[in-house]
Amino acid sequence: MTMTERVLSLLVKDAAGTEWIVPLDRDVLTIGRDPTCNIRIDSPYVSRQHARIEMQEGSPALVDLGSRNGSLLDGERVDGTAPLIPGNVVSIADATITCLAEAAPDGTTRFYEKPSRAGPADTLRVDAQAYEVYTGVTPLERRLSAQEFELLRFLYEHQDRVCTSQELGDAIWGSGNWDKDMLHRLVHRLKRKVEPNPEKPRYLQTIPWIGYRLTP
């Protein structure tokens, strides 16, 4: 790296494959699961306030905020603070943040999503960035609550397998803050909003004694 090269923007890629560029145009950028974070990573393995990137004497640095699962810089866990240079890759859960020497276009955040293929009219699709749910190309008629959306989003991102009740409850309410009746009631409310016939679920399948699975 030459003396004139420095990190000017960040390329963020989440577990779903969505990429966006964030300009490094402020003294502090917060990273975490909380909706107030500048870089929001919506994953149960990310703390609400997980880490931040801050300017220290004119250069950016990664600061882990004591997160439970940690932050990696080029594969090495960060203990406290670590300086950043172009080419560094920060890994937080299933998301990566690549440091770029180029500025973001127009100095604004830009999103780049993989093109989606049109599916059957009853295919369920969850847009985690826009907080929207579609059947085919039609938005869901009934708006979901924050917890209902979080449940559906988690199941959607893990649709290749059965999600246990334990991981669902921990993702939505946090470990030790829920019981199975709370999860059961939440699933029941979600079914009433997304299922054409809640008595014969098309999308949300209950796996007795284990958990739930989404079949979009």
C-alpha atoms as a PDB file:
ATOM      1  CA  MET A   1       0.000   0.000   0.000  1.00  0.00           C
ATOM      2  CA  THR A   2       1.345   3.421  -0.935  1.00  0.00           C
ATOM      3  CA  MET A   3       1.154   6.342   1.441  1.00  0.00           C
ATOM      4  CA  THR A   4      -1.790   7.769  -0.538  1.00  0.00           C
ATOM      5  CA  GLU A   5      -3.890   4.593  -0.408  1.00  0.00           C
ATOM      6  CA  ARG A   6      -6.450   4.384   2.345  1.00  0.00           C
ATOM      7  CA  VAL A   7      -9.807   2.788   2.958  1.00  0.00           C
ATOM      8  CA  LEU A   8     -12.531   4.949   1.393  1.00  0.00           C
ATOM      9  CA  SER A   9     -15.450   2.535   1.298  1.00  0.00           C
ATOM     10  CA  LEU A  10     -16.608  -0.874   2.463  1.00  0.00           C
ATOM     11  CA  LEU A  11     -18.087  -3.705   0.400  1.00  0.00           C
ATOM     12  CA  VAL A  12     -20.548  -5.599   2.590  1.00  0.00           C
ATOM     13  CA  LYS A  13     -21.859  -9.039   1.618  1.00  0.00           C
ATOM     14  CA  ASP A  14     -24.422 -10.850   3.754  1.00  0.00           C
ATOM     15  CA  ALA A  15     -25.320 -14.543   4.025  1.00  0.00           C
ATOM     16  CA  ALA A  16     -28.052 -14.203   1.395  1.00  0.00           C
ATOM     17  CA  GLY A  17     -25.535 -12.943  -1.186  1.00  0.00           C
ATOM     18  CA  THR A  18     -26.732  -9.335  -1.189  1.00  0.00           C
ATOM     19  CA  GLU A  19     -23.872  -6.860  -1.591  1.00  0.00           C
ATOM     20  CA  TRP A  20     -23.750  -3.163  -0.879  1.00  0.00           C
ATOM     21  CA  ILE A  21     -21.080  -0.485  -0.720  1.00  0.00           C
ATOM     22  CA  VAL A  22     -20.922   1.841   2.279  1.00  0.00           C
ATOM     23  CA  PRO A  23     -18.838   5.028   2.076  1.00  0.00           C
ATOM     24  CA  LEU A  24     -16.422   5.564   4.944  1.00  0.00           C
ATOM     25  CA  ASP A  25     -17.537   9.161   5.354  1.00  0.00           C
ATOM     26  CA  ARG A  26     -17.954   9.537   9.093  1.00  0.00           C
ATOM     27  CA  ASP A  27     -15.913   9.120  12.239  1.00  0.00           C
ATOM     28  CA  VAL A  28     -17.791   6.032  13.432  1.00  0.00           C
ATOM     29  CA  LEU A  29     -19.749   3.295  11.610  1.00  0.00           C
ATOM     30  CA  THR A  30     -21.586   0.864  13.873  1.00  0.00           C
ATOM     31  CA  ILE A  31     -22.038  -2.796  12.943  1.00  0.00           C
ATOM     32  CA  GLY A  32     -24.581  -5.180  14.421  1.00  0.00           C
ATOM     33  CA  ARG A  33     -28.053  -6.693  14.414  1.00  0.00           C
ATOM     34  CA  ASP A  34     -29.786  -3.642  15.881  1.00  0.00           C
ATOM     35  CA  PRO A  35     -31.813  -1.660  13.291  1.00  0.00           C
ATOM     36  CA  THR A  36     -30.013   1.532  14.371  1.00  0.00           C
ATOM     37  CA  CYS A  37     -26.605   0.242  13.222  1.00  0.00           C
ATOM     38  CA  ASN A  38     -25.032   1.853  10.155  1.00  0.00           C
ATOM     39  CA  ILE A  39     -24.143  -1.613   8.825  1.00  0.00           C
ATOM     40  CA  ARG A  40     -26.930  -3.953   9.873  1.00  0.00           C
ATOM     41  CA  ILE A  41     -26.194  -7.674   9.725  1.00  0.00           C
ATOM     42  CA  ASP A  42     -29.409  -9.546  10.383  1.00  0.00           C
ATOM     43  CA  SER A  43     -28.191 -12.796  11.923  1.00  0.00           C
ATOM     44  CA  PRO A  44     -28.739 -14.477  15.300  1.00  0.00           C
ATOM     45  CA  TYR A  45     -24.971 -14.943  15.519  1.00  0.00           C
ATOM     46  CA  VAL A  46     -24.372 -11.195  15.445  1.00  0.00           C
ATOM     47  CA  SER A  47     -24.697  -9.074  18.587  1.00  0.00           C
ATOM     48  CA  ARG A  48     -27.043  -6.094  18.528  1.00  0.00           C
ATOM     49  CA  GLN A  49     -24.025  -3.805  18.872  1.00  0.00           C
ATOM     50  CA  HIS A  50     -21.284  -6.093  17.563  1.00  0.00           C
ATOM     51  CA  ALA A  51     -18.426  -3.873  16.391  1.00  0.00           C
ATOM     52  CA  ARG A  52     -17.624  -0.494  14.915  1.00  0.00           C
ATOM     53  CA  ILE A  53     -15.214   1.050  12.439  1.00  0.00           C
ATOM     54  CA  GLU A  54     -13.848   4.320  13.706  1.00  0.00           C
ATOM     55  CA  MET A  55     -11.284   6.860  12.595  1.00  0.00           C
ATOM     56  CA  GLN A  56      -8.207   6.956  14.795  1.00  0.00           C
ATOM     57  CA  GLU A  57      -5.666   9.671  13.940  1.00  0.00           C
ATOM     58  CA  GLY A  58      -6.985   9.824  10.393  1.00  0.00           C
ATOM     59  CA  SER A  59      -6.955   6.073   9.737  1.00  0.00           C
ATOM     60  CA  PRO A  60      -9.804   3.549  10.140  1.00  0.00           C
ATOM     61  CA  ALA A  61      -9.715   0.815  12.752  1.00  0.00           C
ATOM     62  CA  LEU A  62     -11.986  -2.109  13.604  1.00  0.00           C
ATOM     63  CA  VAL A  63     -13.163  -2.202  17.209  1.00  0.00           C
ATOM     64  CA  ASP A  64     -14.901  -5.322  18.525  1.00  0.00           C
ATOM     65  CA  LEU A  65     -17.438  -4.394  21.207  1.00  0.00           C
ATOM     66  CA  GLY A  66     -17.037  -7.544  23.267  1.00  0.00           C
ATOM     67  CA  SER A  67     -19.319  -9.521  20.966  1.00  0.00           C
ATOM     68  CA  ARG A  68     -20.113 -13.086  21.916  1.00  0.00           C
ATOM     69  CA  ASN A  69     -18.990 -14.628  18.605  1.00  0.00           C
ATOM     70  CA  GLY A  70     -16.215 -12.168  17.849  1.00  0.00           C
ATOM     71  CA  SER A  71     -14.990 -10.346  14.756  1.00  0.00           C
ATOM     72  CA  LEU A  72     -12.326 -11.697  12.397  1.00  0.00           C
ATOM     73  CA  LEU A  73      -9.831  -9.636  10.431  1.00  0.00           C
ATOM     74  CA  ASP A  74      -8.307 -11.642   7.572  1.00  0.00           C
ATOM     75  CA  GLY A  75      -9.184 -14.800   9.480  1.00  0.00           C
ATOM     76  CA  GLU A  76      -7.768 -13.714  12.844  1.00  0.00           C
ATOM     77  CA  ARG A  77      -9.997 -12.854  15.781  1.00  0.00           C
ATOM     78  CA  VAL A  78      -9.732  -9.215  16.825  1.00  0.00           C
ATOM     79  CA  ASP A  79      -8.946  -8.591  20.463  1.00  0.00           C
ATOM     80  CA  GLY A  80      -9.976  -4.993  21.041  1.00  0.00           C
ATOM     81  CA  THR A  81      -8.838  -2.770  18.156  1.00  0.00           C
ATOM     82  CA  ALA A  82      -7.093  -3.473  14.836  1.00  0.00           C
ATOM     83  CA  PRO A  83      -6.089  -1.017  12.062  1.00  0.00           C
ATOM     84  CA  LEU A  84      -7.646  -1.408   8.608  1.00  0.00           C
ATOM     85  CA  ILE A  85      -6.053  -1.027   5.176  1.00  0.00           C
ATOM     86  CA  PRO A  86      -7.387  -1.636   1.644  1.00  0.00           C
ATOM     87  CA  GLY A  87      -7.783  -5.334   0.960  1.00  0.00           C
ATOM     88  CA  ASN A  88      -8.552  -6.305   4.553  1.00  0.00           C
ATOM     89  CA  VAL A  89     -11.603  -8.544   4.978  1.00  0.00           C
ATOM     90  CA  VAL A  90     -13.647  -8.364   8.163  1.00  0.00           C
ATOM     91  CA  SER A  91     -15.792 -11.446   8.859  1.00  0.00           C
ATOM     92  CA  ILE A  92     -18.745 -11.242  11.240  1.00  0.00           C
ATOM     93  CA  ALA A  93     -20.858 -14.394  11.365  1.00  0.00           C
ATOM     94  CA  ASP A  94     -21.712 -15.223   7.713  1.00  0.00           C
ATOM     95  CA  ALA A  95     -21.146 -11.669   6.464  1.00  0.00           C
ATOM     96  CA  THR A  96     -17.955 -10.128   5.109  1.00  0.00           C
ATOM     97  CA  ILE A  97     -16.850  -6.508   4.925  1.00  0.00           C
ATOM     98  CA  THR A  98     -14.059  -5.838   2.418  1.00  0.00           C
ATOM     99  CA  CYS A  99     -12.045  -2.622   2.740  1.00  0.00           C
ATOM    100  CA  LEU A 100     -11.764  -0.741  -0.575  1.00  0.00           C
ATOM    101  CA  ALA A 101      -9.453   2.036  -1.665  1.00  0.00           C
ATOM    102  CA  GLU A 102     -12.152   3.393  -3.994  1.00  0.00           C
ATOM    103  CA  ALA A 103     -14.887   5.771  -2.927  1.00  0.00           C
ATOM    104  CA  ALA A 104     -18.521   4.665  -3.115  1.00  0.00           C
ATOM    105  CA  PRO A 105     -20.374   6.001  -6.194  1.00  0.00           C
ATOM    106  CA  ASP A 106     -21.703   9.496  -5.461  1.00  0.00           C
ATOM    107  CA  GLY A 107     -20.657   9.006  -1.834  1.00  0.00           C
ATOM    108  CA  THR A 108     -23.860   7.085  -1.096  1.00  0.00           C
ATOM    109  CA  THR A 109     -24.668   3.538  -0.124  1.00  0.00           C
ATOM    110  CA  ARG A 110     -25.265   1.337  -3.178  1.00  0.00           C
ATOM    111  CA  PHE A 111     -27.016  -2.029  -3.145  1.00  0.00           C
ATOM    112  CA  TYR A 112     -26.293  -4.851  -5.586  1.00  0.00           C
ATOM    113  CA  GLU A 113     -28.614  -7.843  -5.457  1.00  0.00           C
ATOM    114  CA  LYS A 114     -28.424 -11.069  -7.403  1.00  0.00           C
ATOM    115  CA  PRO A 115     -31.084 -11.095 -10.092  1.00  0.00           C
ATOM    116  CA  SER A 116     -34.058 -13.152  -9.004  1.00  0.00           C
ATOM    117  CA  ARG A 117     -35.812 -15.613 -11.240  1.00  0.00           C
ATOM    118  CA  ALA A 118     -39.533 -15.353 -11.617  1.00  0.00           C
ATOM    119  CA  GLY A 119     -41.232 -18.272  -9.953  1.00  0.00           C
ATOM    120  CA  PRO A 120     -44.781 -19.587  -9.627  1.00  0.00           C
ATOM    121  CA  ALA A 121     -47.446 -17.130  -8.566  1.00  0.00           C
ATOM    122  CA  ASP A 122     -47.619 -18.668  -5.069  1.00  0.00           C
ATOM    123  CA  THR A 123     -43.844 -18.689  -4.405  1.00  0.00           C
ATOM    124  CA  LEU A 124     -43.062 -16.992  -1.096  1.00  0.00           C
ATOM    125  CA  ARG A 125     -40.205 -14.458  -1.156  1.00  0.00           C
ATOM    126  CA  VAL A 126     -38.761 -12.440   1.715  1.00  0.00           C
ATOM    127  CA  ASP A 127     -36.895  -9.181   1.068  1.00  0.00           C
ATOM    128  CA  ALA A 128     -34.901  -8.674   4.274  1.00  0.00           C
ATOM    129  CA  GLN A 129     -33.576  -5.244   3.202  1.00  0.00           C
ATOM    130  CA  ALA A 130     -36.996  -3.754   2.428  1.00  0.00           C
ATOM    131  CA  TYR A 131     -38.855  -5.690   5.140  1.00  0.00           C
ATOM    132  CA  GLU A 132     -41.318  -6.942   2.535  1.00  0.00           C
ATOM    133  CA  VAL A 133     -42.889 -10.351   1.882  1.00  0.00           C
ATOM    134  CA  TYR A 134     -44.236 -11.403  -1.510  1.00  0.00           C
ATOM    135  CA  THR A 135     -46.214 -14.288  -2.939  1.00  0.00           C
ATOM    136  CA  GLY A 136     -45.019 -14.334  -6.519  1.00  0.00           C
ATOM    137  CA  VAL A 137     -44.764 -10.617  -7.344  1.00  0.00           C
ATOM    138  CA  THR A 138     -47.629  -9.558  -5.074  1.00  0.00           C
ATOM    139  CA  PRO A 139     -46.849  -8.010  -1.665  1.00  0.00           C
ATOM    140  CA  LEU A 140     -48.379  -9.760   1.323  1.00  0.00           C
ATOM    141  CA  GLU A 141     -51.711  -8.136   2.163  1.00  0.00           C
ATOM    142  CA  ARG A 142     -51.317  -8.258   5.944  1.00  0.00           C
ATOM    143  CA  ARG A 143     -48.321  -6.439   7.419  1.00  0.00           C
ATOM    144  CA  LEU A 144     -46.143  -8.554   9.699  1.00  0.00           C
ATOM    145  CA  SER A 145     -45.035  -7.456  13.149  1.00  0.00           C
ATOM    146  CA  ALA A 146     -41.289  -7.186  13.831  1.00  0.00           C
ATOM    147  CA  GLN A 147     -41.228 -10.581  15.571  1.00  0.00           C
ATOM    148  CA  GLU A 148     -43.332 -12.234  12.883  1.00  0.00           C
ATOM    149  CA  PHE A 149     -40.993 -10.890  10.197  1.00  0.00           C
ATOM    150  CA  GLU A 150     -37.904 -11.994  12.138  1.00  0.00           C
ATOM    151  CA  LEU A 151     -39.297 -15.519  12.441  1.00  0.00           C
ATOM    152  CA  LEU A 152     -40.161 -15.697   8.745  1.00  0.00           C
ATOM    153  CA  ARG A 153     -36.816 -14.190   7.702  1.00  0.00           C
ATOM    154  CA  PHE A 154     -34.848 -16.709   9.784  1.00  0.00           C
ATOM    155  CA  LEU A 155     -36.808 -19.631   8.349  1.00  0.00           C
ATOM    156  CA  TYR A 156     -36.441 -18.225   4.824  1.00  0.00           C
ATOM    157  CA  GLU A 157     -32.665 -17.902   5.123  1.00  0.00           C
ATOM    158  CA  HIS A 158     -32.438 -21.483   6.438  1.00  0.00           C
ATOM    159  CA  GLN A 159     -35.048 -23.060   4.177  1.00  0.00           C
ATOM    160  CA  ASP A 160     -32.724 -25.915   3.283  1.00  0.00           C
ATOM    161  CA  ARG A 161     -33.232 -27.511   6.695  1.00  0.00           C
ATOM    162  CA  VAL A 162     -35.461 -27.838   9.761  1.00  0.00           C
ATOM    163  CA  CYS A 163     -34.900 -25.033  12.276  1.00  0.00           C
ATOM    164  CA  THR A 164     -35.138 -26.152  15.886  1.00  0.00           C
ATOM    165  CA  SER A 165     -37.409 -24.410  18.355  1.00  0.00           C
ATOM    166  CA  GLN A 166     -34.354 -23.565  20.442  1.00  0.00           C
ATOM    167  CA  GLU A 167     -32.518 -21.648  17.722  1.00  0.00           C
ATOM    168  CA  LEU A 168     -35.676 -19.854  16.626  1.00  0.00           C
ATOM    169  CA  GLY A 169     -36.545 -18.722  20.137  1.00  0.00           C
ATOM    170  CA  ASP A 170     -32.977 -17.609  20.851  1.00  0.00           C
ATOM    171  CA  ALA A 171     -32.820 -15.681  17.560  1.00  0.00           C
ATOM    172  CA  ILE A 172     -36.049 -13.784  18.226  1.00  0.00           C
ATOM    173  CA  TRP A 173     -36.040 -13.160  21.978  1.00  0.00           C
ATOM    174  CA  GLY A 174     -32.539 -14.073  23.130  1.00  0.00           C
ATOM    175  CA  SER A 175     -31.380 -17.053  25.170  1.00  0.00           C
ATOM    176  CA  GLY A 176     -33.417 -17.583  28.333  1.00  0.00           C
ATOM    177  CA  ASN A 177     -36.034 -14.949  27.452  1.00  0.00           C
ATOM    178  CA  TRP A 178     -38.709 -17.154  25.899  1.00  0.00           C
ATOM    179  CA  ASP A 179     -40.655 -20.390  26.269  1.00  0.00           C
ATOM    180  CA  LYS A 180     -42.258 -22.785  23.797  1.00  0.00           C
ATOM    181  CA  ASP A 181     -45.730 -21.309  24.285  1.00  0.00           C
ATOM    182  CA  MET A 182     -44.444 -17.906  23.108  1.00  0.00           C
ATOM    183  CA  LEU A 183     -42.934 -19.474  19.990  1.00  0.00           C
ATOM    184  CA  HIS A 184     -46.073 -21.524  19.327  1.00  0.00           C
ATOM    185  CA  ARG A 185     -48.270 -18.414  19.513  1.00  0.00           C
ATOM    186  CA  LEU A 186     -45.926 -16.495  17.221  1.00  0.00           C
ATOM    187  CA  VAL A 187     -45.958 -19.296  14.642  1.00  0.00           C
ATOM    188  CA  HIS A 188     -49.756 -19.408  14.861  1.00  0.00           C
ATOM    189  CA  ARG A 189     -50.022 -15.651  14.172  1.00  0.00           C
ATOM    190  CA  LEU A 190     -47.564 -15.894  11.282  1.00  0.00           C
ATOM    191  CA  LYS A 191     -49.506 -18.741   9.680  1.00  0.00           C
ATOM    192  CA  ARG A 192     -52.708 -16.696   9.808  1.00  0.00           C
ATOM    193  CA  LYS A 193     -51.018 -13.939   7.821  1.00  0.00           C
ATOM    194  CA  VAL A 194     -49.017 -15.857   5.207  1.00  0.00           C
ATOM    195  CA  GLU A 195     -50.935 -19.097   4.679  1.00  0.00           C
ATOM    196  CA  PRO A 196     -53.848 -19.231   2.196  1.00  0.00           C
ATOM    197  CA  ASN A 197     -55.340 -21.860   4.529  1.00  0.00           C
ATOM    198  CA  PRO A 198     -53.757 -21.859   8.017  1.00  0.00           C
ATOM    199  CA  GLU A 199     -55.366 -25.221   8.785  1.00  0.00           C
ATOM    200  CA  LYS A 200     -53.476 -26.788   5.862  1.00  0.00           C
ATOM    201  CA  PRO A 201     -50.156 -24.911   5.753  1.00  0.00           C
ATOM    202  CA  ARG A 202     -48.561 -24.441   2.349  1.00  0.00           C
ATOM    203  CA  TYR A 203     -45.341 -22.766   3.502  1.00  0.00           C
ATOM    204  CA  LEU A 204     -44.721 -23.199   7.214  1.00  0.00           C
ATOM    205  CA  GLN A 205     -44.406 -26.817   8.286  1.00  0.00           C
ATOM    206  CA  THR A 206     -44.392 -27.950  11.916  1.00  0.00           C
ATOM    207  CA  ILE A 207     -41.929 -30.761  12.634  1.00  0.00           C
ATOM    208  CA  PRO A 208     -43.220 -32.390  15.852  1.00  0.00           C
ATOM    209  CA  TRP A 209     -40.848 -32.289  18.822  1.00  0.00           C
ATOM    210  CA  ILE A 210     -38.138 -30.572  16.746  1.00  0.00           C
ATOM    211  CA  GLY A 211     -39.155 -27.240  15.226  1.00  0.00           C
ATOM    212  CA  TYR A 212     -40.283 -25.731  11.936  1.00  0.00           C
ATOM    213  CA  ARG A 213     -39.365 -25.620   8.276  1.00  0.00           C
ATOM    214  CA  LEU A 214     -40.260 -23.178   5.526  1.00  0.00           C
ATOM    215  CA  THR A 215     -41.054 -24.404   2.027  1.00  0.00           C
ATOM    216  CA  PRO A 216     -41.367 -21.263  -0.143  1.00  0.00           C
END
